[in-house]
Amino acid sequence: MGKKQEESDDEMYVTLDVENGQEECVVITIFEAGGRDYIALLPTESMNTDDGEVYLYRYKEDQNGNPELSDIESDEEFEIVSDRFDEWLDEQEYEQMKDE
């Protein structure tokens, strides 16, 4: 899977090579779950819709600090990762409410 990373106005973007071309995504967060790092991505075309699909991938950096994404390999791993991402979202919502 190819990717390109760019930064713009405090947001990081990643361009994924997908079956039908390329898809630009904004990085939501990088988080740890089950002893590994993962990345949550939101396709830019979904940013202004209510049904924004989030992509979850394994995340690591090579020895030069370049990001590497790989697929989550099992349903069990995906369940752990998606549960942790949901917890992260809840934490963000709580912090936002607390700040208001």
N, C-alpha and C. Protein backbone atom coordinates (compact mmCIF):
# COMPACT_ATOMS: atom_id res chain seq x y z
N MET A 1 0.84 -1.16 0.00
CA MET A 1 0.00 0.00 0.00
C MET A 1 0.89 1.23 0.00
N GLY A 2 0.70 2.11 -0.95
CA GLY A 2 1.51 3.31 -1.01
C GLY A 2 0.89 4.42 -0.17
N LYS A 3 1.75 5.34 0.24
CA LYS A 3 1.24 6.47 1.00
C LYS A 3 2.19 7.63 0.84
N LYS A 4 1.64 8.82 1.00
CA LYS A 4 2.43 10.04 0.99
C LYS A 4 1.88 10.90 2.11
N GLN A 5 2.76 11.51 2.88
CA GLN A 5 2.32 12.28 4.04
C GLN A 5 2.65 13.75 3.84
N GLU A 6 1.68 14.61 4.13
CA GLU A 6 1.88 16.05 4.03
C GLU A 6 1.30 16.70 5.28
N GLU A 7 1.83 17.88 5.63
CA GLU A 7 1.27 18.63 6.76
C GLU A 7 0.75 19.95 6.22
N SER A 8 -0.42 20.37 6.76
CA SER A 8 -1.01 21.62 6.35
C SER A 8 -1.89 22.14 7.47
N ASP A 9 -1.58 23.34 7.97
CA ASP A 9 -2.40 23.97 9.01
C ASP A 9 -2.69 23.04 10.18
N ASP A 10 -1.66 22.48 10.78
CA ASP A 10 -1.77 21.60 11.94
C ASP A 10 -2.46 20.27 11.65
N GLU A 11 -2.86 20.03 10.43
CA GLU A 11 -3.43 18.74 10.07
C GLU A 11 -2.43 18.01 9.19
N MET A 12 -2.34 16.70 9.40
CA MET A 12 -1.48 15.89 8.54
C MET A 12 -2.38 15.12 7.59
N TYR A 13 -1.95 15.04 6.35
CA TYR A 13 -2.68 14.32 5.32
C TYR A 13 -1.85 13.16 4.83
N VAL A 14 -2.53 12.08 4.47
CA VAL A 14 -1.90 10.90 3.91
C VAL A 14 -2.64 10.57 2.62
N THR A 15 -1.90 10.29 1.57
CA THR A 15 -2.51 9.85 0.32
C THR A 15 -2.30 8.35 0.20
N LEU A 16 -3.41 7.62 0.16
CA LEU A 16 -3.36 6.16 0.06
C LEU A 16 -3.54 5.72 -1.38
N ASP A 17 -2.79 4.72 -1.79
CA ASP A 17 -3.03 4.08 -3.07
C ASP A 17 -4.09 3.01 -2.84
N VAL A 18 -5.25 3.18 -3.47
CA VAL A 18 -6.34 2.23 -3.34
C VAL A 18 -6.62 1.61 -4.70
N GLU A 19 -7.52 0.63 -4.73
CA GLU A 19 -7.78 -0.12 -5.96
C GLU A 19 -8.11 0.78 -7.15
N ASN A 20 -8.91 1.82 -6.91
CA ASN A 20 -9.36 2.66 -8.03
C ASN A 20 -8.64 4.00 -8.09
N GLY A 21 -7.39 4.06 -7.63
CA GLY A 21 -6.62 5.30 -7.71
C GLY A 21 -5.99 5.68 -6.39
N GLN A 22 -6.16 6.95 -6.05
CA GLN A 22 -5.60 7.44 -4.79
C GLN A 22 -6.70 8.12 -3.99
N GLU A 23 -6.54 8.09 -2.67
CA GLU A 23 -7.51 8.72 -1.79
C GLU A 23 -6.75 9.51 -0.74
N GLU A 24 -7.08 10.80 -0.63
CA GLU A 24 -6.44 11.64 0.36
C GLU A 24 -7.23 11.57 1.67
N CYS A 25 -6.49 11.42 2.77
CA CYS A 25 -7.11 11.29 4.09
C CYS A 25 -6.41 12.23 5.06
N VAL A 26 -7.18 12.70 6.04
CA VAL A 26 -6.61 13.48 7.12
C VAL A 26 -6.33 12.53 8.28
N VAL A 27 -5.19 12.72 8.96
CA VAL A 27 -4.84 11.89 10.10
C VAL A 27 -5.65 12.39 11.29
N ILE A 28 -6.45 11.51 11.87
CA ILE A 28 -7.23 11.85 13.06
C ILE A 28 -6.35 11.72 14.29
N THR A 29 -5.71 10.57 14.43
CA THR A 29 -4.83 10.33 15.57
C THR A 29 -3.98 9.09 15.31
N ILE A 30 -2.90 9.00 16.06
CA ILE A 30 -2.10 7.79 16.15
C ILE A 30 -2.21 7.35 17.60
N PHE A 31 -2.55 6.09 17.82
CA PHE A 31 -2.82 5.62 19.17
C PHE A 31 -2.31 4.20 19.36
N GLU A 32 -2.21 3.78 20.62
CA GLU A 32 -1.72 2.44 20.97
C GLU A 32 -2.89 1.57 21.37
N ALA A 33 -2.85 0.33 20.95
CA ALA A 33 -3.85 -0.66 21.35
C ALA A 33 -3.20 -2.04 21.29
N GLY A 34 -3.34 -2.80 22.35
CA GLY A 34 -2.81 -4.16 22.36
C GLY A 34 -1.32 -4.25 22.11
N GLY A 35 -0.56 -3.23 22.52
CA GLY A 35 0.89 -3.27 22.38
C GLY A 35 1.42 -2.83 21.04
N ARG A 36 0.56 -2.34 20.15
CA ARG A 36 0.99 -1.85 18.83
C ARG A 36 0.45 -0.45 18.62
N ASP A 37 1.05 0.27 17.67
CA ASP A 37 0.55 1.58 17.29
C ASP A 37 -0.35 1.46 16.07
N TYR A 38 -1.38 2.30 16.06
CA TYR A 38 -2.35 2.32 14.97
C TYR A 38 -2.61 3.77 14.58
N ILE A 39 -3.13 3.94 13.37
CA ILE A 39 -3.46 5.27 12.88
C ILE A 39 -4.92 5.26 12.41
N ALA A 40 -5.62 6.35 12.70
CA ALA A 40 -7.00 6.52 12.26
C ALA A 40 -7.02 7.62 11.20
N LEU A 41 -7.59 7.31 10.05
CA LEU A 41 -7.62 8.23 8.92
C LEU A 41 -9.06 8.49 8.49
N LEU A 42 -9.35 9.74 8.11
CA LEU A 42 -10.66 10.11 7.60
C LEU A 42 -10.48 10.61 6.17
N PRO A 43 -11.12 9.94 5.19
CA PRO A 43 -11.02 10.43 3.81
C PRO A 43 -11.51 11.86 3.73
N THR A 44 -10.79 12.73 3.01
CA THR A 44 -11.18 14.14 2.93
C THR A 44 -12.54 14.31 2.29
N GLU A 45 -12.94 13.43 1.41
CA GLU A 45 -14.26 13.56 0.78
C GLU A 45 -15.39 13.26 1.77
N SER A 46 -15.08 12.64 2.90
CA SER A 46 -16.09 12.34 3.92
C SER A 46 -16.09 13.34 5.06
N MET A 47 -15.19 14.32 5.02
CA MET A 47 -15.03 15.23 6.15
C MET A 47 -16.28 16.06 6.44
N ASN A 48 -17.03 16.39 5.44
CA ASN A 48 -18.19 17.26 5.63
C ASN A 48 -19.51 16.50 5.62
N THR A 49 -19.44 15.19 5.79
CA THR A 49 -20.67 14.39 5.84
C THR A 49 -20.79 13.74 7.21
N ASP A 50 -21.99 13.36 7.55
CA ASP A 50 -22.24 12.74 8.85
C ASP A 50 -21.83 11.27 8.88
N ASP A 51 -21.68 10.65 7.73
CA ASP A 51 -21.37 9.23 7.69
C ASP A 51 -19.90 8.98 7.39
N GLY A 52 -19.02 9.87 7.90
CA GLY A 52 -17.60 9.77 7.63
C GLY A 52 -17.02 8.43 8.06
N GLU A 53 -16.55 7.67 7.08
CA GLU A 53 -15.93 6.38 7.34
C GLU A 53 -14.49 6.61 7.76
N VAL A 54 -14.08 5.96 8.84
CA VAL A 54 -12.72 6.07 9.35
C VAL A 54 -11.95 4.81 8.99
N TYR A 55 -10.74 4.99 8.49
CA TYR A 55 -9.86 3.87 8.17
C TYR A 55 -8.90 3.67 9.33
N LEU A 56 -8.72 2.43 9.75
CA LEU A 56 -7.77 2.09 10.80
C LEU A 56 -6.69 1.18 10.22
N TYR A 57 -5.43 1.52 10.47
CA TYR A 57 -4.29 0.74 9.99
C TYR A 57 -3.26 0.60 11.10
N ARG A 58 -2.45 -0.45 10.99
CA ARG A 58 -1.26 -0.54 11.84
C ARG A 58 -0.33 0.58 11.41
N TYR A 59 0.41 1.12 12.38
CA TYR A 59 1.31 2.23 12.10
C TYR A 59 2.66 1.97 12.74
N LYS A 60 3.71 2.22 11.99
CA LYS A 60 5.06 2.22 12.57
C LYS A 60 5.91 3.11 11.70
N GLU A 61 7.07 3.46 12.23
CA GLU A 61 8.03 4.27 11.49
C GLU A 61 9.27 3.44 11.25
N ASP A 62 9.85 3.58 10.04
CA ASP A 62 11.08 2.86 9.75
C ASP A 62 12.26 3.57 10.42
N GLN A 63 13.46 3.05 10.23
CA GLN A 63 14.63 3.60 10.90
C GLN A 63 14.91 5.05 10.51
N ASN A 64 14.34 5.53 9.41
CA ASN A 64 14.52 6.92 8.98
C ASN A 64 13.37 7.82 9.43
N GLY A 65 12.43 7.26 10.18
CA GLY A 65 11.30 8.04 10.66
C GLY A 65 10.16 8.18 9.67
N ASN A 66 10.21 7.41 8.58
CA ASN A 66 9.14 7.45 7.59
C ASN A 66 7.99 6.55 8.03
N PRO A 67 6.75 7.02 7.90
CA PRO A 67 5.61 6.21 8.34
C PRO A 67 5.38 5.01 7.43
N GLU A 68 4.98 3.91 8.04
CA GLU A 68 4.59 2.70 7.31
C GLU A 68 3.24 2.26 7.82
N LEU A 69 2.30 2.04 6.91
CA LEU A 69 0.97 1.57 7.27
C LEU A 69 0.81 0.15 6.76
N SER A 70 0.13 -0.68 7.55
CA SER A 70 -0.18 -2.03 7.09
C SER A 70 -1.57 -2.40 7.59
N ASP A 71 -2.15 -3.37 6.92
CA ASP A 71 -3.51 -3.79 7.24
C ASP A 71 -3.59 -4.48 8.59
N ILE A 72 -4.73 -4.32 9.24
CA ILE A 72 -5.04 -5.07 10.46
C ILE A 72 -5.40 -6.48 9.99
N GLU A 73 -4.80 -7.50 10.62
CA GLU A 73 -4.82 -8.84 10.05
C GLU A 73 -5.96 -9.75 10.46
N SER A 74 -6.66 -9.45 11.55
CA SER A 74 -7.73 -10.36 11.97
C SER A 74 -8.91 -9.58 12.53
N ASP A 75 -10.05 -10.24 12.60
CA ASP A 75 -11.24 -9.64 13.19
C ASP A 75 -11.01 -9.32 14.66
N GLU A 76 -10.29 -10.21 15.34
CA GLU A 76 -10.00 -10.00 16.76
C GLU A 76 -9.16 -8.75 16.96
N GLU A 77 -8.12 -8.59 16.15
CA GLU A 77 -7.28 -7.40 16.24
C GLU A 77 -8.09 -6.16 15.92
N PHE A 78 -8.93 -6.24 14.88
CA PHE A 78 -9.75 -5.08 14.52
C PHE A 78 -10.69 -4.69 15.66
N GLU A 79 -11.26 -5.66 16.34
CA GLU A 79 -12.15 -5.39 17.47
C GLU A 79 -11.41 -4.64 18.57
N ILE A 80 -10.20 -5.07 18.90
CA ILE A 80 -9.40 -4.39 19.92
C ILE A 80 -9.10 -2.95 19.50
N VAL A 81 -8.71 -2.78 18.26
CA VAL A 81 -8.33 -1.46 17.75
C VAL A 81 -9.55 -0.54 17.68
N SER A 82 -10.66 -1.03 17.17
CA SER A 82 -11.85 -0.17 17.05
C SER A 82 -12.41 0.20 18.42
N ASP A 83 -12.33 -0.73 19.39
CA ASP A 83 -12.76 -0.40 20.76
C ASP A 83 -11.89 0.70 21.35
N ARG A 84 -10.59 0.61 21.15
CA ARG A 84 -9.68 1.63 21.69
C ARG A 84 -9.91 2.97 21.00
N PHE A 85 -10.16 2.95 19.68
CA PHE A 85 -10.44 4.19 18.97
C PHE A 85 -11.74 4.83 19.48
N ASP A 86 -12.75 4.01 19.74
CA ASP A 86 -14.01 4.53 20.31
C ASP A 86 -13.76 5.17 21.67
N GLU A 87 -12.92 4.55 22.49
CA GLU A 87 -12.56 5.14 23.79
C GLU A 87 -11.87 6.48 23.59
N TRP A 88 -10.97 6.56 22.61
CA TRP A 88 -10.28 7.81 22.33
C TRP A 88 -11.28 8.90 21.94
N LEU A 89 -12.25 8.54 21.08
CA LEU A 89 -13.28 9.50 20.68
C LEU A 89 -14.07 10.00 21.88
N ASP A 90 -14.43 9.08 22.78
CA ASP A 90 -15.15 9.47 23.99
C ASP A 90 -14.32 10.43 24.84
N GLU A 91 -13.01 10.16 24.95
CA GLU A 91 -12.12 11.05 25.71
C GLU A 91 -12.08 12.44 25.10
N GLN A 92 -12.03 12.52 23.77
CA GLN A 92 -12.00 13.81 23.08
C GLN A 92 -13.30 14.57 23.30
N GLU A 93 -14.41 13.87 23.24
CA GLU A 93 -15.71 14.48 23.46
C GLU A 93 -15.81 15.01 24.89
N TYR A 94 -15.33 14.24 25.85
CA TYR A 94 -15.34 14.67 27.26
C TYR A 94 -14.49 15.92 27.45
N GLU A 95 -13.29 15.92 26.87
CA GLU A 95 -12.40 17.09 26.98
C GLU A 95 -13.04 18.33 26.37
N GLN A 96 -13.71 18.15 25.24
CA GLN A 96 -14.36 19.27 24.56
C GLN A 96 -15.49 19.82 25.44
N MET A 97 -16.28 18.93 26.05
CA MET A 97 -17.37 19.37 26.92
C MET A 97 -16.81 20.08 28.15
N LYS A 98 -15.73 19.59 28.68
CA LYS A 98 -15.11 20.16 29.86
C LYS A 98 -14.58 21.57 29.58
N ASP A 99 -14.09 21.78 28.37
CA ASP A 99 -13.53 23.08 28.00
C ASP A 99 -14.60 24.13 27.71
N GLU A 100 -15.82 23.70 27.47
CA GLU A 100 -16.89 24.66 27.12
C GLU A 100 -17.50 25.32 28.31
